[in-house]
Amino acid sequence: MMSEFQENNYISRSVVIEQAEQISENILNTTVYHKYLDSKAKVKENPELWARVMEYRKRNFFLQNCDDDVKQGNIDNMQNEFHDILSNKLVKDYLRRELVLCRFIQKISAKIAEKIEMETDFL
């Protein structure tokens, strides 16, 4: 028995989910993703360095999501505290490639959302 939506020529949610899974599979086969994985593997070869990078990422994430008046001084402090790893070529490559991957995924998400009407004026 067909659902009401299928009778009206709408696409079922399961079809859209399958398409999203295909997009995910396609991302896994991009140069952007493989460069990210390669740089991550190089940093992870040094467990202490990896631990410091993860601590930096964690603290940076929370800092980026706090109030602006608190942010600036703390960003400077973090830059000083993590200067040793932030000047490491492997870490710089990893963080840069992670950012490129994140921006790639953001562009995909924006492309999907651009035609969808949702009320977001309150944001």
PDB file of N, CA and C in Angstrom:
ATOM      1  N   MET A   1       0.839  -1.191   0.000  1.00  0.00           N
ATOM      2  CA  MET A   1       0.000   0.000   0.000  1.00  0.00           C
ATOM      3  C   MET A   1       0.885   1.256   0.000  1.00  0.00           C
ATOM      4  N   MET A   2       0.646   2.152  -0.914  1.00  0.00           N
ATOM      5  CA  MET A   2       1.429   3.375  -1.004  1.00  0.00           C
ATOM      6  C   MET A   2       0.958   4.382   0.032  1.00  0.00           C
ATOM      7  N   SER A   3       1.918   5.170   0.519  1.00  0.00           N
ATOM      8  CA  SER A   3       1.537   6.226   1.449  1.00  0.00           C
ATOM      9  C   SER A   3       0.890   7.372   0.681  1.00  0.00           C
ATOM     10  N   GLU A   4       0.261   8.251   1.403  1.00  0.00           N
ATOM     11  CA  GLU A   4      -0.382   9.404   0.781  1.00  0.00           C
ATOM     12  C   GLU A   4       0.641  10.247   0.013  1.00  0.00           C
ATOM     13  N   PHE A   5       1.842  10.378   0.575  1.00  0.00           N
ATOM     14  CA  PHE A   5       2.863  11.205  -0.068  1.00  0.00           C
ATOM     15  C   PHE A   5       3.330  10.593  -1.379  1.00  0.00           C
ATOM     16  N   GLN A   6       3.493   9.292  -1.401  1.00  0.00           N
ATOM     17  CA  GLN A   6       3.931   8.642  -2.627  1.00  0.00           C
ATOM     18  C   GLN A   6       2.858   8.758  -3.707  1.00  0.00           C
ATOM     19  N   GLU A   7       1.598   8.697  -3.321  1.00  0.00           N
ATOM     20  CA  GLU A   7       0.508   8.849  -4.277  1.00  0.00           C
ATOM     21  C   GLU A   7       0.510  10.243  -4.897  1.00  0.00           C
ATOM     22  N   ASN A   8       0.969  11.233  -4.160  1.00  0.00           N
ATOM     23  CA  ASN A   8       1.017  12.606  -4.653  1.00  0.00           C
ATOM     24  C   ASN A   8       2.338  12.943  -5.322  1.00  0.00           C
ATOM     25  N   ASN A   9       3.124  11.934  -5.651  1.00  0.00           N
ATOM     26  CA  ASN A   9       4.413  12.085  -6.317  1.00  0.00           C
ATOM     27  C   ASN A   9       5.481  12.759  -5.462  1.00  0.00           C
ATOM     28  N   TYR A  10       5.312  12.738  -4.169  1.00  0.00           N
ATOM     29  CA  TYR A  10       6.361  13.209  -3.274  1.00  0.00           C
ATOM     30  C   TYR A  10       7.359  12.084  -3.069  1.00  0.00           C
ATOM     31  N   ILE A  11       8.570  12.440  -2.742  1.00  0.00           N
ATOM     32  CA  ILE A  11       9.614  11.452  -2.457  1.00  0.00           C
ATOM     33  C   ILE A  11       9.534  11.083  -0.987  1.00  0.00           C
ATOM     34  N   SER A  12       9.670   9.819  -0.696  1.00  0.00           N
ATOM     35  CA  SER A  12       9.607   9.383   0.703  1.00  0.00           C
ATOM     36  C   SER A  12      10.875   9.811   1.448  1.00  0.00           C
ATOM     37  N   ARG A  13      10.754   9.913   2.755  1.00  0.00           N
ATOM     38  CA  ARG A  13      11.913  10.272   3.584  1.00  0.00           C
ATOM     39  C   ARG A  13      13.030   9.264   3.429  1.00  0.00           C
ATOM     40  N   SER A  14      12.688   7.999   3.287  1.00  0.00           N
ATOM     41  CA  SER A  14      13.730   6.972   3.162  1.00  0.00           C
ATOM     42  C   SER A  14      14.580   7.179   1.909  1.00  0.00           C
ATOM     43  N   VAL A  15      13.966   7.660   0.827  1.00  0.00           N
ATOM     44  CA  VAL A  15      14.729   7.946  -0.393  1.00  0.00           C
ATOM     45  C   VAL A  15      15.705   9.091  -0.138  1.00  0.00           C
ATOM     46  N   VAL A  16      15.254  10.113   0.553  1.00  0.00           N
ATOM     47  CA  VAL A  16      16.125  11.261   0.861  1.00  0.00           C
ATOM     48  C   VAL A  16      17.269  10.811   1.770  1.00  0.00           C
ATOM     49  N   ILE A  17      16.979   9.966   2.752  1.00  0.00           N
ATOM     50  CA  ILE A  17      18.023   9.444   3.641  1.00  0.00           C
ATOM     51  C   ILE A  17      19.034   8.636   2.842  1.00  0.00           C
ATOM     52  N   GLU A  18      18.569   7.829   1.926  1.00  0.00           N
ATOM     53  CA  GLU A  18      19.487   7.058   1.067  1.00  0.00           C
ATOM     54  C   GLU A  18      20.378   7.991   0.255  1.00  0.00           C
ATOM     55  N   GLN A  19      19.816   9.072  -0.241  1.00  0.00           N
ATOM     56  CA  GLN A  19      20.599  10.043  -1.006  1.00  0.00           C
ATOM     57  C   GLN A  19      21.634  10.723  -0.117  1.00  0.00           C
ATOM     58  N   ALA A  20      21.256  11.011   1.121  1.00  0.00           N
ATOM     59  CA  ALA A  20      22.202  11.602   2.073  1.00  0.00           C
ATOM     60  C   ALA A  20      23.340  10.629   2.361  1.00  0.00           C
ATOM     61  N   GLU A  21      23.004   9.355   2.485  1.00  0.00           N
ATOM     62  CA  GLU A  21      24.049   8.344   2.693  1.00  0.00           C
ATOM     63  C   GLU A  21      24.985   8.283   1.491  1.00  0.00           C
ATOM     64  N   GLN A  22      24.454   8.450   0.297  1.00  0.00           N
ATOM     65  CA  GLN A  22      25.284   8.462  -0.903  1.00  0.00           C
ATOM     66  C   GLN A  22      26.202   9.687  -0.906  1.00  0.00           C
ATOM     67  N   ILE A  23      25.687  10.821  -0.477  1.00  0.00           N
ATOM     68  CA  ILE A  23      26.530  12.018  -0.369  1.00  0.00           C
ATOM     69  C   ILE A  23      27.673  11.751   0.611  1.00  0.00           C
ATOM     70  N   SER A  24      27.369  11.123   1.741  1.00  0.00           N
ATOM     71  CA  SER A  24      28.406  10.787   2.719  1.00  0.00           C
ATOM     72  C   SER A  24      29.462   9.882   2.101  1.00  0.00           C
ATOM     73  N   GLU A  25      29.023   8.885   1.367  1.00  0.00           N
ATOM     74  CA  GLU A  25      29.962   7.981   0.690  1.00  0.00           C
ATOM     75  C   GLU A  25      30.825   8.753  -0.311  1.00  0.00           C
ATOM     76  N   ASN A  26      30.212   9.673  -1.025  1.00  0.00           N
ATOM     77  CA  ASN A  26      30.967  10.476  -1.981  1.00  0.00           C
ATOM     78  C   ASN A  26      32.016  11.337  -1.280  1.00  0.00           C
ATOM     79  N   ILE A  27      31.659  11.904  -0.138  1.00  0.00           N
ATOM     80  CA  ILE A  27      32.619  12.703   0.618  1.00  0.00           C
ATOM     81  C   ILE A  27      33.819  11.854   1.021  1.00  0.00           C
ATOM     82  N   LEU A  28      33.554  10.615   1.423  1.00  0.00           N
ATOM     83  CA  LEU A  28      34.637   9.713   1.831  1.00  0.00           C
ATOM     84  C   LEU A  28      35.618   9.443   0.700  1.00  0.00           C
ATOM     85  N   ASN A  29      35.214   9.683  -0.529  1.00  0.00           N
ATOM     86  CA  ASN A  29      36.072   9.428  -1.688  1.00  0.00           C
ATOM     87  C   ASN A  29      36.659  10.690  -2.298  1.00  0.00           C
ATOM     88  N   THR A  30      36.650  11.793  -1.549  1.00  0.00           N
ATOM     89  CA  THR A  30      37.218  13.040  -2.070  1.00  0.00           C
ATOM     90  C   THR A  30      38.671  13.203  -1.639  1.00  0.00           C
ATOM     91  N   THR A  31      39.376  13.993  -2.399  1.00  0.00           N
ATOM     92  CA  THR A  31      40.753  14.351  -2.047  1.00  0.00           C
ATOM     93  C   THR A  31      40.778  15.113  -0.726  1.00  0.00           C
ATOM     94  N   VAL A  32      39.808  15.989  -0.534  1.00  0.00           N
ATOM     95  CA  VAL A  32      39.731  16.780   0.705  1.00  0.00           C
ATOM     96  C   VAL A  32      39.719  15.848   1.916  1.00  0.00           C
ATOM     97  N   TYR A  33      38.877  14.834   1.882  1.00  0.00           N
ATOM     98  CA  TYR A  33      38.761  13.919   3.018  1.00  0.00           C
ATOM     99  C   TYR A  33      40.031  13.090   3.200  1.00  0.00           C
ATOM    100  N   HIS A  34      40.614  12.607   2.108  1.00  0.00           N
ATOM    101  CA  HIS A  34      41.816  11.774   2.229  1.00  0.00           C
ATOM    102  C   HIS A  34      43.031  12.572   2.697  1.00  0.00           C
ATOM    103  N   LYS A  35      43.127  13.816   2.294  1.00  0.00           N
ATOM    104  CA  LYS A  35      44.206  14.664   2.812  1.00  0.00           C
ATOM    105  C   LYS A  35      44.033  14.884   4.312  1.00  0.00           C
ATOM    106  N   TYR A  36      42.791  15.081   4.744  1.00  0.00           N
ATOM    107  CA  TYR A  36      42.499  15.221   6.169  1.00  0.00           C
ATOM    108  C   TYR A  36      42.926  13.958   6.925  1.00  0.00           C
ATOM    109  N   LEU A  37      42.524  12.799   6.422  1.00  0.00           N
ATOM    110  CA  LEU A  37      42.880  11.537   7.087  1.00  0.00           C
ATOM    111  C   LEU A  37      44.388  11.337   7.159  1.00  0.00           C
ATOM    112  N   ASP A  38      45.088  11.668   6.082  1.00  0.00           N
ATOM    113  CA  ASP A  38      46.545  11.520   6.062  1.00  0.00           C
ATOM    114  C   ASP A  38      47.206  12.413   7.106  1.00  0.00           C
ATOM    115  N   SER A  39      46.770  13.657   7.181  1.00  0.00           N
ATOM    116  CA  SER A  39      47.379  14.575   8.145  1.00  0.00           C
ATOM    117  C   SER A  39      47.039  14.164   9.575  1.00  0.00           C
ATOM    118  N   LYS A  40      45.830  13.668   9.797  1.00  0.00           N
ATOM    119  CA  LYS A  40      45.441  13.196  11.126  1.00  0.00           C
ATOM    120  C   LYS A  40      46.304  12.012  11.540  1.00  0.00           C
ATOM    121  N   ALA A  41      46.522  11.088  10.633  1.00  0.00           N
ATOM    122  CA  ALA A  41      47.338   9.903  10.938  1.00  0.00           C
ATOM    123  C   ALA A  41      48.765  10.290  11.319  1.00  0.00           C
ATOM    124  N   LYS A  42      49.311  11.289  10.662  1.00  0.00           N
ATOM    125  CA  LYS A  42      50.679  11.727  10.967  1.00  0.00           C
ATOM    126  C   LYS A  42      50.775  12.310  12.374  1.00  0.00           C
ATOM    127  N   VAL A  43      49.779  13.093  12.770  1.00  0.00           N
ATOM    128  CA  VAL A  43      49.791  13.671  14.119  1.00  0.00           C
ATOM    129  C   VAL A  43      49.597  12.565  15.158  1.00  0.00           C
ATOM    130  N   LYS A  44      48.717  11.614  14.868  1.00  0.00           N
ATOM    131  CA  LYS A  44      48.417  10.554  15.825  1.00  0.00           C
ATOM    132  C   LYS A  44      49.597   9.600  16.054  1.00  0.00           C
ATOM    133  N   GLU A  45      50.592   9.641  15.189  1.00  0.00           N
ATOM    134  CA  GLU A  45      51.786   8.823  15.391  1.00  0.00           C
ATOM    135  C   GLU A  45      52.504   9.201  16.684  1.00  0.00           C
ATOM    136  N   ASN A  46      52.284  10.417  17.144  1.00  0.00           N
ATOM    137  CA  ASN A  46      52.866  10.896  18.392  1.00  0.00           C
ATOM    138  C   ASN A  46      51.724  11.094  19.397  1.00  0.00           C
ATOM    139  N   PRO A  47      51.513  10.112  20.305  1.00  0.00           N
ATOM    140  CA  PRO A  47      50.363  10.179  21.216  1.00  0.00           C
ATOM    141  C   PRO A  47      50.332  11.436  22.098  1.00  0.00           C
ATOM    142  N   GLU A  48      51.485  11.909  22.541  1.00  0.00           N
ATOM    143  CA  GLU A  48      51.501  13.120  23.371  1.00  0.00           C
ATOM    144  C   GLU A  48      51.075  14.339  22.558  1.00  0.00           C
ATOM    145  N   LEU A  49      51.571  14.420  21.343  1.00  0.00           N
ATOM    146  CA  LEU A  49      51.197  15.529  20.462  1.00  0.00           C
ATOM    147  C   LEU A  49      49.704  15.469  20.161  1.00  0.00           C
ATOM    148  N   TRP A  50      49.196  14.286  19.871  1.00  0.00           N
ATOM    149  CA  TRP A  50      47.777  14.121  19.582  1.00  0.00           C
ATOM    150  C   TRP A  50      46.919  14.557  20.779  1.00  0.00           C
ATOM    151  N   ALA A  51      47.342  14.187  21.976  1.00  0.00           N
ATOM    152  CA  ALA A  51      46.607  14.562  23.189  1.00  0.00           C
ATOM    153  C   ALA A  51      46.563  16.085  23.338  1.00  0.00           C
ATOM    154  N   ARG A  52      47.684  16.752  23.072  1.00  0.00           N
ATOM    155  CA  ARG A  52      47.722  18.219  23.163  1.00  0.00           C
ATOM    156  C   ARG A  52      46.827  18.857  22.098  1.00  0.00           C
ATOM    157  N   VAL A  53      46.849  18.300  20.907  1.00  0.00           N
ATOM    158  CA  VAL A  53      46.004  18.820  19.831  1.00  0.00           C
ATOM    159  C   VAL A  53      44.531  18.672  20.208  1.00  0.00           C
ATOM    160  N   MET A  54      44.164  17.534  20.769  1.00  0.00           N
ATOM    161  CA  MET A  54      42.768  17.321  21.168  1.00  0.00           C
ATOM    162  C   MET A  54      42.364  18.270  22.298  1.00  0.00           C
ATOM    163  N   GLU A  55      43.267  18.532  23.214  1.00  0.00           N
ATOM    164  CA  GLU A  55      42.989  19.496  24.287  1.00  0.00           C
ATOM    165  C   GLU A  55      42.804  20.894  23.693  1.00  0.00           C
ATOM    166  N   TYR A  56      43.662  21.266  22.768  1.00  0.00           N
ATOM    167  CA  TYR A  56      43.541  22.564  22.104  1.00  0.00           C
ATOM    168  C   TYR A  56      42.198  22.670  21.378  1.00  0.00           C
ATOM    169  N   ARG A  57      41.843  21.647  20.611  1.00  0.00           N
ATOM    170  CA  ARG A  57      40.595  21.666  19.850  1.00  0.00           C
ATOM    171  C   ARG A  57      39.382  21.781  20.780  1.00  0.00           C
ATOM    172  N   LYS A  58      39.423  21.036  21.881  1.00  0.00           N
ATOM    173  CA  LYS A  58      38.313  21.063  22.836  1.00  0.00           C
ATOM    174  C   LYS A  58      38.148  22.458  23.423  1.00  0.00           C
ATOM    175  N   ARG A  59      39.238  23.015  23.917  1.00  0.00           N
ATOM    176  CA  ARG A  59      39.164  24.331  24.540  1.00  0.00           C
ATOM    177  C   ARG A  59      38.820  25.410  23.524  1.00  0.00           C
ATOM    178  N   ASN A  60      39.354  25.284  22.327  1.00  0.00           N
ATOM    179  CA  ASN A  60      39.057  26.243  21.269  1.00  0.00           C
ATOM    180  C   ASN A  60      37.571  26.192  20.892  1.00  0.00           C
ATOM    181  N   PHE A  61      37.014  25.001  20.820  1.00  0.00           N
ATOM    182  CA  PHE A  61      35.587  24.859  20.513  1.00  0.00           C
ATOM    183  C   PHE A  61      34.734  25.600  21.538  1.00  0.00           C
ATOM    184  N   PHE A  62      34.996  25.362  22.817  1.00  0.00           N
ATOM    185  CA  PHE A  62      34.209  26.028  23.857  1.00  0.00           C
ATOM    186  C   PHE A  62      34.436  27.533  23.837  1.00  0.00           C
ATOM    187  N   LEU A  63      35.658  27.941  23.569  1.00  0.00           N
ATOM    188  CA  LEU A  63      35.966  29.362  23.521  1.00  0.00           C
ATOM    189  C   LEU A  63      35.248  30.051  22.358  1.00  0.00           C
ATOM    190  N   GLN A  64      35.186  29.395  21.214  1.00  0.00           N
ATOM    191  CA  GLN A  64      34.507  29.975  20.055  1.00  0.00           C
ATOM    192  C   GLN A  64      33.007  30.144  20.290  1.00  0.00           C
ATOM    193  N   ASN A  65      32.477  29.411  21.247  1.00  0.00           N
ATOM    194  CA  ASN A  65      31.047  29.456  21.519  1.00  0.00           C
ATOM    195  C   ASN A  65      30.696  30.217  22.792  1.00  0.00           C
ATOM    196  N   CYS A  66      31.624  31.001  23.295  1.00  0.00           N
ATOM    197  CA  CYS A  66      31.335  31.802  24.486  1.00  0.00           C
ATOM    198  C   CYS A  66      31.093  33.260  24.084  1.00  0.00           C
ATOM    199  N   ASP A  67      30.770  34.095  25.058  1.00  0.00           N
ATOM    200  CA  ASP A  67      30.499  35.510  24.805  1.00  0.00           C
ATOM    201  C   ASP A  67      31.729  36.215  24.247  1.00  0.00           C
ATOM    202  N   ASP A  68      31.491  37.176  23.366  1.00  0.00           N
ATOM    203  CA  ASP A  68      32.578  37.907  22.721  1.00  0.00           C
ATOM    204  C   ASP A  68      33.481  38.646  23.704  1.00  0.00           C
ATOM    205  N   ASP A  69      32.901  39.162  24.783  1.00  0.00           N
ATOM    206  CA  ASP A  69      33.708  39.928  25.737  1.00  0.00           C
ATOM    207  C   ASP A  69      34.725  39.042  26.460  1.00  0.00           C
ATOM    208  N   VAL A  70      34.470  37.766  26.551  1.00  0.00           N
ATOM    209  CA  VAL A  70      35.391  36.830  27.203  1.00  0.00           C
ATOM    210  C   VAL A  70      36.387  36.257  26.186  1.00  0.00           C
ATOM    211  N   LYS A  71      35.959  36.219  24.956  1.00  0.00           N
ATOM    212  CA  LYS A  71      36.681  35.500  23.913  1.00  0.00           C
ATOM    213  C   LYS A  71      38.097  36.019  23.638  1.00  0.00           C
ATOM    214  N   GLN A  72      38.276  37.304  23.397  1.00  0.00           N
ATOM    215  CA  GLN A  72      39.540  37.823  22.876  1.00  0.00           C
ATOM    216  C   GLN A  72      40.735  37.550  23.783  1.00  0.00           C
ATOM    217  N   GLY A  73      40.637  37.881  25.034  1.00  0.00           N
ATOM    218  CA  GLY A  73      41.758  37.636  25.935  1.00  0.00           C
ATOM    219  C   GLY A  73      42.084  36.155  26.057  1.00  0.00           C
ATOM    220  N   ASN A  74      41.064  35.342  26.069  1.00  0.00           N
ATOM    221  CA  ASN A  74      41.282  33.909  26.167  1.00  0.00           C
ATOM    222  C   ASN A  74      41.889  33.319  24.900  1.00  0.00           C
ATOM    223  N   ILE A  75      41.534  33.872  23.753  1.00  0.00           N
ATOM    224  CA  ILE A  75      42.144  33.408  22.500  1.00  0.00           C
ATOM    225  C   ILE A  75      43.639  33.681  22.528  1.00  0.00           C
ATOM    226  N   ASP A  76      44.017  34.875  22.954  1.00  0.00           N
ATOM    227  CA  ASP A  76      45.440  35.208  23.050  1.00  0.00           C
ATOM    228  C   ASP A  76      46.152  34.282  24.027  1.00  0.00           C
ATOM    229  N   ASN A  77      45.533  34.026  25.175  1.00  0.00           N
ATOM    230  CA  ASN A  77      46.129  33.124  26.161  1.00  0.00           C
ATOM    231  C   ASN A  77      46.315  31.718  25.590  1.00  0.00           C
ATOM    232  N   MET A  78      45.308  31.240  24.874  1.00  0.00           N
ATOM    233  CA  MET A  78      45.411  29.901  24.282  1.00  0.00           C
ATOM    234  C   MET A  78      46.501  29.845  23.221  1.00  0.00           C
ATOM    235  N   GLN A  79      46.602  30.894  22.422  1.00  0.00           N
ATOM    236  CA  GLN A  79      47.640  30.934  21.399  1.00  0.00           C
ATOM    237  C   GLN A  79      49.029  30.826  22.046  1.00  0.00           C
ATOM    238  N   ASN A  80      49.189  31.508  23.172  1.00  0.00           N
ATOM    239  CA  ASN A  80      50.466  31.435  23.885  1.00  0.00           C
ATOM    240  C   ASN A  80      50.672  30.064  24.521  1.00  0.00           C
ATOM    241  N   GLU A  81      49.641  29.551  25.160  1.00  0.00           N
ATOM    242  CA  GLU A  81      49.750  28.260  25.850  1.00  0.00           C
ATOM    243  C   GLU A  81      50.039  27.113  24.886  1.00  0.00           C
ATOM    244  N   PHE A  82      49.467  27.170  23.698  1.00  0.00           N
ATOM    245  CA  PHE A  82      49.618  26.076  22.736  1.00  0.00           C
ATOM    246  C   PHE A  82      50.553  26.437  21.586  1.00  0.00           C
ATOM    247  N   HIS A  83      51.374  27.457  21.800  1.00  0.00           N
ATOM    248  CA  HIS A  83      52.303  27.903  20.757  1.00  0.00           C
ATOM    249  C   HIS A  83      53.179  26.758  20.251  1.00  0.00           C
ATOM    250  N   ASP A  84      53.615  25.889  21.163  1.00  0.00           N
ATOM    251  CA  ASP A  84      54.501  24.793  20.765  1.00  0.00           C
ATOM    252  C   ASP A  84      53.862  23.881  19.726  1.00  0.00           C
ATOM    253  N   ILE A  85      52.589  23.556  19.888  1.00  0.00           N
ATOM    254  CA  ILE A  85      51.963  22.672  18.908  1.00  0.00           C
ATOM    255  C   ILE A  85      51.454  23.440  17.687  1.00  0.00           C
ATOM    256  N   LEU A  86      51.029  24.690  17.893  1.00  0.00           N
ATOM    257  CA  LEU A  86      50.507  25.475  16.778  1.00  0.00           C
ATOM    258  C   LEU A  86      51.594  25.868  15.784  1.00  0.00           C
ATOM    259  N   SER A  87      52.836  25.786  16.203  1.00  0.00           N
ATOM    260  CA  SER A  87      53.945  26.062  15.288  1.00  0.00           C
ATOM    261  C   SER A  87      54.496  24.782  14.656  1.00  0.00           C
ATOM    262  N   ASN A  88      53.957  23.645  15.055  1.00  0.00           N
ATOM    263  CA  ASN A  88      54.373  22.351  14.510  1.00  0.00           C
ATOM    264  C   ASN A  88      53.735  22.169  13.126  1.00  0.00           C
ATOM    265  N   LYS A  89      54.555  21.871  12.120  1.00  0.00           N
ATOM    266  CA  LYS A  89      54.051  21.742  10.750  1.00  0.00           C
ATOM    267  C   LYS A  89      52.971  20.675  10.625  1.00  0.00           C
ATOM    268  N   LEU A  90      53.141  19.533  11.272  1.00  0.00           N
ATOM    269  CA  LEU A  90      52.139  18.467  11.193  1.00  0.00           C
ATOM    270  C   LEU A  90      50.795  18.927  11.768  1.00  0.00           C
ATOM    271  N   VAL A  91      50.851  19.632  12.880  1.00  0.00           N
ATOM    272  CA  VAL A  91      49.631  20.126  13.524  1.00  0.00           C
ATOM    273  C   VAL A  91      48.978  21.194  12.655  1.00  0.00           C
ATOM    274  N   LYS A  92      49.779  22.114  12.127  1.00  0.00           N
ATOM    275  CA  LYS A  92      49.229  23.155  11.258  1.00  0.00           C
ATOM    276  C   LYS A  92      48.537  22.539  10.052  1.00  0.00           C
ATOM    277  N   ASP A  93      49.171  21.530   9.443  1.00  0.00           N
ATOM    278  CA  ASP A  93      48.560  20.853   8.299  1.00  0.00           C
ATOM    279  C   ASP A  93      47.251  20.185   8.696  1.00  0.00           C
ATOM    280  N   TYR A  94      47.263  19.493   9.837  1.00  0.00           N
ATOM    281  CA  TYR A  94      46.053  18.811  10.306  1.00  0.00           C
ATOM    282  C   TYR A  94      44.915  19.803  10.544  1.00  0.00           C
ATOM    283  N   LEU A  95      45.188  20.877  11.276  1.00  0.00           N
ATOM    284  CA  LEU A  95      44.146  21.854  11.590  1.00  0.00           C
ATOM    285  C   LEU A  95      43.631  22.553  10.325  1.00  0.00           C
ATOM    286  N   ARG A  96      44.532  22.836   9.402  1.00  0.00           N
ATOM    287  CA  ARG A  96      44.135  23.478   8.139  1.00  0.00           C
ATOM    288  C   ARG A  96      43.247  22.535   7.324  1.00  0.00           C
ATOM    289  N   ARG A  97      43.659  21.271   7.239  1.00  0.00           N
ATOM    290  CA  ARG A  97      42.868  20.314   6.455  1.00  0.00           C
ATOM    291  C   ARG A  97      41.531  19.996   7.121  1.00  0.00           C
ATOM    292  N   GLU A  98      41.509  20.004   8.442  1.00  0.00           N
ATOM    293  CA  GLU A  98      40.245  19.825   9.150  1.00  0.00           C
ATOM    294  C   GLU A  98      39.301  20.986   8.828  1.00  0.00           C
ATOM    295  N   LEU A  99      39.832  22.189   8.820  1.00  0.00           N
ATOM    296  CA  LEU A  99      39.031  23.370   8.502  1.00  0.00           C
ATOM    297  C   LEU A  99      38.497  23.302   7.067  1.00  0.00           C
ATOM    298  N   VAL A 100      39.337  22.877   6.138  1.00  0.00           N
ATOM    299  CA  VAL A 100      38.905  22.742   4.743  1.00  0.00           C
ATOM    300  C   VAL A 100      37.771  21.719   4.643  1.00  0.00           C
ATOM    301  N   LEU A 101      37.904  20.598   5.345  1.00  0.00           N
ATOM    302  CA  LEU A 101      36.843  19.587   5.338  1.00  0.00           C
ATOM    303  C   LEU A 101      35.554  20.133   5.954  1.00  0.00           C
ATOM    304  N   CYS A 102      35.675  20.828   7.069  1.00  0.00           N
ATOM    305  CA  CYS A 102      34.493  21.409   7.714  1.00  0.00           C
ATOM    306  C   CYS A 102      33.791  22.409   6.802  1.00  0.00           C
ATOM    307  N   ARG A 103      34.558  23.250   6.140  1.00  0.00           N
ATOM    308  CA  ARG A 103      33.960  24.237   5.227  1.00  0.00           C
ATOM    309  C   ARG A 103      33.305  23.560   4.026  1.00  0.00           C
ATOM    310  N   PHE A 104      33.894  22.475   3.571  1.00  0.00           N
ATOM    311  CA  PHE A 104      33.319  21.688   2.477  1.00  0.00           C
ATOM    312  C   PHE A 104      31.955  21.135   2.888  1.00  0.00           C
ATOM    313  N   ILE A 105      31.888  20.567   4.083  1.00  0.00           N
ATOM    314  CA  ILE A 105      30.633  20.019   4.597  1.00  0.00           C
ATOM    315  C   ILE A 105      29.617  21.141   4.825  1.00  0.00           C
ATOM    316  N   GLN A 106      30.076  22.295   5.293  1.00  0.00           N
ATOM    317  CA  GLN A 106      29.174  23.444   5.472  1.00  0.00           C
ATOM    318  C   GLN A 106      28.577  23.889   4.135  1.00  0.00           C
ATOM    319  N   LYS A 107      29.393  23.893   3.081  1.00  0.00           N
ATOM    320  CA  LYS A 107      28.886  24.281   1.759  1.00  0.00           C
ATOM    321  C   LYS A 107      27.824  23.297   1.286  1.00  0.00           C
ATOM    322  N   ILE A 108      28.052  22.022   1.536  1.00  0.00           N
ATOM    323  CA  ILE A 108      27.075  21.005   1.149  1.00  0.00           C
ATOM    324  C   ILE A 108      25.778  21.221   1.925  1.00  0.00           C
ATOM    325  N   SER A 109      25.902  21.428   3.230  1.00  0.00           N
ATOM    326  CA  SER A 109      24.712  21.663   4.062  1.00  0.00           C
ATOM    327  C   SER A 109      23.972  22.920   3.619  1.00  0.00           C
ATOM    328  N   ALA A 110      24.697  23.973   3.312  1.00  0.00           N
ATOM    329  CA  ALA A 110      24.074  25.223   2.869  1.00  0.00           C
ATOM    330  C   ALA A 110      23.353  25.023   1.539  1.00  0.00           C
ATOM    331  N   LYS A 111      23.957  24.258   0.654  1.00  0.00           N
ATOM    332  CA  LYS A 111      23.344  23.985  -0.640  1.00  0.00           C
ATOM    333  C   LYS A 111      22.029  23.237  -0.457  1.00  0.00           C
ATOM    334  N   ILE A 112      22.024  22.274   0.447  1.00  0.00           N
ATOM    335  CA  ILE A 112      20.805  21.512   0.727  1.00  0.00           C
ATOM    336  C   ILE A 112      19.741  22.424   1.322  1.00  0.00           C
ATOM    337  N   ALA A 113      20.128  23.275   2.239  1.00  0.00           N
ATOM    338  CA  ALA A 113      19.163  24.099   2.981  1.00  0.00           C
ATOM    339  C   ALA A 113      18.695  25.341   2.232  1.00  0.00           C
ATOM    340  N   GLU A 114      19.412  25.770   1.196  1.00  0.00           N
ATOM    341  CA  GLU A 114      19.101  27.066   0.576  1.00  0.00           C
ATOM    342  C   GLU A 114      17.696  27.163  -0.017  1.00  0.00           C
ATOM    343  N   LYS A 115      17.124  26.074  -0.442  1.00  0.00           N
ATOM    344  CA  LYS A 115      15.783  26.134  -1.047  1.00  0.00           C
ATOM    345  C   LYS A 115      14.678  25.714  -0.091  1.00  0.00           C
ATOM    346  N   ILE A 116      15.050  25.328   1.107  1.00  0.00           N
ATOM    347  CA  ILE A 116      14.072  24.868   2.074  1.00  0.00           C
ATOM    348  C   ILE A 116      13.570  26.062   2.882  1.00  0.00           C
ATOM    349  N   GLU A 117      12.266  26.257   2.848  1.00  0.00           N
ATOM    350  CA  GLU A 117      11.675  27.371   3.587  1.00  0.00           C
ATOM    351  C   GLU A 117      11.472  26.986   5.039  1.00  0.00           C
ATOM    352  N   MET A 118      12.197  27.660   5.889  1.00  0.00           N
ATOM    353  CA  MET A 118      12.047  27.483   7.342  1.00  0.00           C
ATOM    354  C   MET A 118      12.152  28.855   7.973  1.00  0.00           C
ATOM    355  N   GLU A 119      11.405  29.079   9.010  1.00  0.00           N
ATOM    356  CA  GLU A 119      11.442  30.353   9.714  1.00  0.00           C
ATOM    357  C   GLU A 119      12.638  30.357  10.671  1.00  0.00           C
ATOM    358  N   THR A 120      13.643  31.161  10.314  1.00  0.00           N
ATOM    359  CA  THR A 120      14.833  31.260  11.161  1.00  0.00           C
ATOM    360  C   THR A 120      15.142  32.702  11.548  1.00  0.00           C
ATOM    361  N   ASP A 121      14.196  33.588  11.342  1.00  0.00           N
ATOM    362  CA  ASP A 121      14.405  35.001  11.650  1.00  0.00           C
ATOM    363  C   ASP A 121      14.720  35.237  13.119  1.00  0.00           C
ATOM    364  N   PHE A 122      14.313  34.331  13.980  1.00  0.00           N
ATOM    365  CA  PHE A 122      14.525  34.495  15.421  1.00  0.00           C
ATOM    366  C   PHE A 122      15.965  34.264  15.819  1.00  0.00           C
ATOM    367  N   LEU A 123      16.764  33.697  14.937  1.00  0.00           N
ATOM    368  CA  LEU A 123      18.160  33.393  15.282  1.00  0.00           C
ATOM    369  C   LEU A 123      19.045  34.606  15.295  1.00  0.00           C
TER     370      LEU A 123
END
